[in-house]
Protein backbone atom coordinates (compact mmCIF):
# COMPACT_ATOMS: atom_id res chain seq x y z
CA UNK A 1 4.73 -3.17 -7.86
CA UNK A 2 7.51 -3.62 -5.29
CA UNK A 3 9.89 -5.50 -7.58
CA UNK A 4 11.72 -2.35 -8.69
CA UNK A 5 12.97 -1.64 -5.15
CA UNK A 6 13.50 -5.09 -3.62
CA UNK A 7 17.08 -5.70 -4.77
CA UNK A 8 18.32 -2.33 -3.49
CA UNK A 9 16.59 -2.86 -0.14
CA UNK A 10 18.01 -6.39 0.06
CA UNK A 11 21.52 -4.92 -0.02
CA UNK A 12 20.79 -3.53 3.47
CA UNK A 13 18.13 -5.82 4.97
CA UNK A 14 16.69 -9.29 4.81
CA UNK A 15 13.53 -8.49 2.84
CA UNK A 16 10.19 -10.27 3.16
CA UNK A 17 7.71 -9.27 0.45
CA UNK A 18 4.41 -10.44 1.93
CA UNK A 19 1.07 -10.72 0.14
CA UNK A 20 -2.01 -9.72 2.11
CA UNK A 21 -4.57 -12.41 2.97
CA UNK A 22 -7.40 -12.58 0.45
CA UNK A 23 -5.13 -11.46 -2.38
CA UNK A 24 -3.72 -13.58 -5.17
CA UNK A 25 -0.98 -15.91 -3.98
CA UNK A 26 -1.75 -15.60 -0.27
CA UNK A 27 -3.71 -17.83 2.04
CA UNK A 28 -7.43 -17.04 2.20
CA UNK A 29 -8.91 -15.55 5.31
CA UNK A 30 -9.90 -18.17 7.89
CA UNK A 31 -13.46 -19.44 7.59
CA UNK A 32 -15.88 -17.06 9.21
CA UNK A 33 -13.40 -14.19 9.49
CA UNK A 34 -14.62 -10.94 7.94
CA UNK A 35 -12.49 -8.98 5.50
CA UNK A 36 -11.34 -6.18 7.78
CA UNK A 37 -8.11 -4.27 8.21
CA UNK A 38 -7.85 -5.79 11.69
CA UNK A 39 -8.03 -9.33 10.28
CA UNK A 40 -5.56 -8.54 7.47
CA UNK A 41 -3.16 -7.24 10.11
CA UNK A 42 -3.64 -10.43 12.10
CA UNK A 43 -2.83 -12.40 8.96
CA UNK A 44 0.51 -10.60 8.66
CA UNK A 45 1.15 -11.20 12.36
CA UNK A 46 0.60 -14.92 11.82
CA UNK A 47 3.21 -14.86 9.04
CA UNK A 48 5.69 -13.10 11.34
CA UNK A 49 5.01 -15.66 14.06
CA UNK A 50 5.57 -18.52 11.61
CA UNK A 51 8.91 -16.97 10.66
CA UNK A 52 9.92 -16.53 14.29
CA UNK A 53 9.98 -12.73 14.09
CA UNK A 54 8.82 -10.64 17.03
CA UNK A 55 9.24 -7.42 15.07
CA UNK A 56 10.51 -6.03 11.78
CA UNK A 57 10.90 -2.77 9.91
CA UNK A 58 7.57 -2.44 8.15
CA UNK A 59 6.89 -0.66 4.87
CA UNK A 60 3.52 -0.43 3.15
CA UNK A 61 1.75 1.50 0.43
CA UNK A 62 -1.93 2.52 0.49
CA UNK A 63 -3.83 -0.26 2.32
CA UNK A 64 -0.44 -1.75 3.18
CA UNK A 65 0.55 1.56 4.77
CA UNK A 66 -2.49 1.43 7.03
CA UNK A 67 -1.63 -2.13 8.01
CA UNK A 68 1.97 -1.08 8.70
CA UNK A 69 0.64 1.47 11.19
CA UNK A 70 -1.57 -1.17 12.80
CA UNK A 71 1.47 -3.44 13.24
CA UNK A 72 3.16 -0.58 15.11
CA UNK A 73 0.09 -0.30 17.33
CA UNK A 74 0.48 -4.01 18.14
CA UNK A 75 4.17 -3.64 18.97
CA UNK A 76 5.40 -5.62 15.96
CA UNK A 77 7.25 -2.81 14.14
CA UNK A 78 10.81 -1.59 14.69
CA UNK A 79 10.00 1.29 12.36
CA UNK A 80 7.27 2.16 9.88
CA UNK A 81 7.41 3.83 6.50
CA UNK A 82 3.86 4.31 5.21
CA UNK A 83 3.66 5.46 1.59
CA UNK A 84 0.39 7.36 1.00
CA UNK A 85 -1.36 5.21 3.61
CA UNK A 86 -5.09 4.66 3.31
CA UNK A 87 -7.33 4.88 6.35
CA UNK A 88 -8.32 8.53 6.78
CA UNK A 89 -10.59 10.94 4.91
CA UNK A 90 -12.31 14.26 5.48
CA UNK A 91 -15.90 13.37 4.56
CA UNK A 92 -18.04 10.38 3.67
CA UNK A 93 -18.01 11.61 0.09
CA UNK A 94 -14.22 11.28 0.04
CA UNK A 95 -14.49 7.64 1.12
CA UNK A 96 -17.22 6.93 -1.43
CA UNK A 97 -15.12 8.52 -4.16
CA UNK A 98 -12.14 6.34 -3.27
CA UNK A 99 -14.20 3.14 -3.17
CA UNK A 100 -15.72 3.96 -6.54
CA UNK A 101 -12.31 4.68 -8.06
CA UNK A 102 -10.72 1.45 -6.79
CA UNK A 103 -13.71 -0.72 -7.72
CA UNK A 104 -13.86 0.74 -11.23
CA UNK A 105 -10.15 0.26 -11.85
CA UNK A 106 -10.17 -3.28 -10.46
CA UNK A 107 -13.25 -4.21 -12.50
CA UNK A 108 -11.67 -2.96 -15.73
CA UNK A 109 -8.44 -4.85 -15.08
CA UNK A 110 -10.26 -8.05 -14.10
CA UNK A 111 -12.07 -8.05 -17.44
CA UNK A 112 -8.91 -7.50 -19.46
CA UNK A 113 -8.03 -10.20 -21.97
CA UNK A 114 -5.04 -10.94 -24.21
CA UNK A 115 -5.85 -8.04 -26.52
CA UNK A 116 -5.74 -5.56 -23.64
CA UNK A 117 -2.49 -7.09 -22.39
CA UNK A 118 -0.92 -6.57 -25.78
CA UNK A 119 -2.14 -2.97 -25.89
CA UNK A 120 -0.71 -2.24 -22.44
CA UNK A 121 2.72 -3.33 -23.56
CA UNK A 122 2.88 0.01 -25.38
CA UNK A 123 4.45 2.74 -23.20
CA UNK A 124 1.82 5.40 -23.97
CA UNK A 125 -1.02 2.97 -23.26
CA UNK A 126 0.50 2.09 -19.86
CA UNK A 127 0.94 5.74 -18.99
CA UNK A 128 -2.71 6.50 -19.76
CA UNK A 129 -4.14 3.34 -18.19
CA UNK A 130 -2.17 3.69 -14.95
CA UNK A 131 -2.58 7.45 -14.61
CA UNK A 132 -4.56 7.24 -11.37
CA UNK A 133 -1.75 5.37 -9.57
CA UNK A 134 1.48 6.27 -11.39
CA UNK A 135 2.83 9.53 -12.72
CA UNK A 136 5.03 7.65 -15.20
CA UNK A 137 3.09 4.51 -15.93
CA UNK A 138 5.31 3.73 -18.89
CA UNK A 139 8.06 2.86 -16.38
CA UNK A 140 6.05 -0.15 -15.23
CA UNK A 141 7.75 -3.02 -17.08
CA UNK A 142 5.64 -4.59 -19.84
CA UNK A 143 6.38 -7.95 -18.24
CA UNK A 144 4.44 -6.84 -15.13
CA UNK A 145 1.17 -6.20 -16.97
CA UNK A 146 0.01 -9.81 -16.87
CA UNK A 147 0.64 -10.02 -13.13
CA UNK A 148 -1.20 -6.73 -12.49
CA UNK A 149 -4.25 -8.05 -14.35
CA UNK A 150 -4.12 -11.41 -12.58
CA UNK A 151 -3.79 -9.69 -9.19
CA UNK A 152 -6.96 -7.70 -9.89
CA UNK A 153 -8.81 -10.88 -10.82
CA UNK A 154 -7.50 -12.71 -7.76
CA UNK A 155 -8.51 -10.20 -5.07
CA UNK A 156 -11.61 -11.80 -3.54
CA UNK A 157 -12.24 -9.48 -0.59
CA UNK A 158 -12.55 -6.01 -2.13
CA UNK A 159 -16.29 -5.35 -1.64
CA UNK A 160 -16.40 -6.80 1.89
CA UNK A 161 -13.25 -4.89 2.82
CA UNK A 162 -14.65 -1.52 1.74
CA UNK A 163 -17.90 -2.18 3.57
CA UNK A 164 -15.97 -2.88 6.78
CA UNK A 165 -13.75 0.19 6.29
CA UNK A 166 -16.80 2.43 5.89
CA UNK A 167 -18.33 0.97 9.06
CA UNK A 168 -15.10 1.36 11.02
CA UNK A 169 -14.63 5.07 10.40
CA UNK A 170 -11.01 4.57 9.38
CA UNK A 171 -7.82 4.24 11.35
CA UNK A 172 -8.13 4.75 15.10
CA UNK A 173 -5.91 7.47 16.62
CA UNK A 174 -2.32 6.31 17.11
CA UNK A 175 -0.66 8.82 19.40
CA UNK A 176 2.16 6.60 20.68
CA UNK A 177 3.30 4.18 17.94
CA UNK A 178 6.30 2.99 19.97
CA UNK A 179 8.74 3.27 17.06
CA UNK A 180 9.83 5.80 14.42
CA UNK A 181 7.02 6.42 11.91
CA UNK A 182 7.46 8.20 8.60
CA UNK A 183 4.45 9.01 6.44
CA UNK A 184 5.67 9.68 2.92
CA UNK A 185 2.98 11.16 0.69
CA UNK A 186 3.21 11.09 -3.08
CA UNK A 187 3.24 14.64 -4.40
CA UNK A 188 1.18 13.70 -7.49
CA UNK A 189 -1.21 11.32 -5.74
CA UNK A 190 -4.47 11.29 -7.72
CA UNK A 191 -5.96 8.37 -5.81
CA UNK A 192 -5.82 9.86 -2.31
CA UNK A 193 -4.64 13.47 -2.64
CA UNK A 194 -2.87 14.81 0.42
CA UNK A 195 -5.27 17.61 1.34
CA UNK A 196 -8.31 15.32 1.45
CA UNK A 197 -6.72 12.17 2.83
CA UNK A 198 -3.22 12.98 4.08
CA UNK A 199 -4.01 15.78 6.50
CA UNK A 200 -6.71 13.72 8.24
CA UNK A 201 -4.16 10.89 8.52
CA UNK A 202 -1.69 13.20 10.28
CA UNK A 203 -4.45 14.14 12.72
CA UNK A 204 -4.80 10.44 13.57
CA UNK A 205 -1.03 9.79 13.79
CA UNK A 206 0.27 13.09 15.20
CA UNK A 207 3.77 11.85 16.10
CA UNK A 208 4.56 10.72 12.57
CA UNK A 209 7.21 12.45 10.49
CA UNK A 210 5.80 13.71 7.18
CA UNK A 211 7.80 13.85 3.97
CA UNK A 212 6.46 14.67 0.51
CA UNK A 213 7.74 12.67 -2.44
CA UNK A 214 7.94 14.89 -5.53
CA UNK A 215 6.98 13.73 -9.00
CA UNK A 216 5.45 10.38 -8.08
CA UNK A 217 1.93 8.95 -8.07
CA UNK A 218 -0.02 6.96 -5.51
CA UNK A 219 2.08 3.83 -6.11
CA UNK A 220 5.52 5.49 -6.23
CA UNK A 221 7.81 2.49 -6.54
CA UNK A 222 7.85 2.35 -10.34
CA UNK A 223 7.87 6.13 -10.78
CA UNK A 224 11.07 6.65 -8.79
CA UNK A 225 12.49 3.50 -7.17
CA UNK A 226 15.65 5.25 -5.97
CA UNK A 227 13.60 7.88 -4.13
CA UNK A 228 11.48 5.20 -2.47
CA UNK A 229 14.56 3.24 -1.36
CA UNK A 230 16.15 6.37 0.14
CA UNK A 231 12.90 7.24 1.89
CA UNK A 232 12.90 3.83 3.56
CA UNK A 233 16.59 3.53 4.41
CA UNK A 234 16.70 6.99 6.00
CA UNK A 235 14.36 5.56 8.64
CA UNK A 236 15.68 2.04 9.05
CA UNK A 237 19.42 2.82 9.12
CA UNK A 238 19.41 4.89 12.35
CA UNK A 239 17.26 2.26 14.07
CA UNK A 240 19.75 -0.47 13.08
CA UNK A 241 22.63 1.55 14.55
């Protein structure tokens, strides 16, 4: 889902598009390590160490946004842009709703076969199928559909991860992130609407700057790539200077 913004970001930065441990194309979690946000963050830290990077500008969406904030807590971020970050909710029912929504969507995608892939190459079908995460799902390239389905099939940690998130109570308060933090919430987010999930996040990260992104869904990169790029560069450019 990041492909639509990578080239424009690469005009200003060296860009590393990392895949989270336990997801398709990434190393599995070490034997005996539980699927937790803490361990996923450690997996990204190990990648940074292997690349010889003490810190980097960090951008993440949803679960990746939560992990971006955790990297700031660990002193590994020069700046953070968290796009509709997961990790906070008002009530247990809100968390249960989110887990049910993600599990259902992932299960449907993981069962998709060639016939479904062909159907999703139609713009209207993509818009309807991706409605929970994208306001303009037809803008997702047809060529990406196969990868989206394979990613859903290849995520091996989903159930264990949600169990650990429920037990953790969400993101711990982060009152002094040590770097600029922008939380950018999608204005049409149907997955984690701002009032139920965004306001509790701001309570946990009170020093973050909040911006609302109009006309985009939970995964905003395909809806409006130019807006997402501007939202990131407005934070990273002053830090570089």
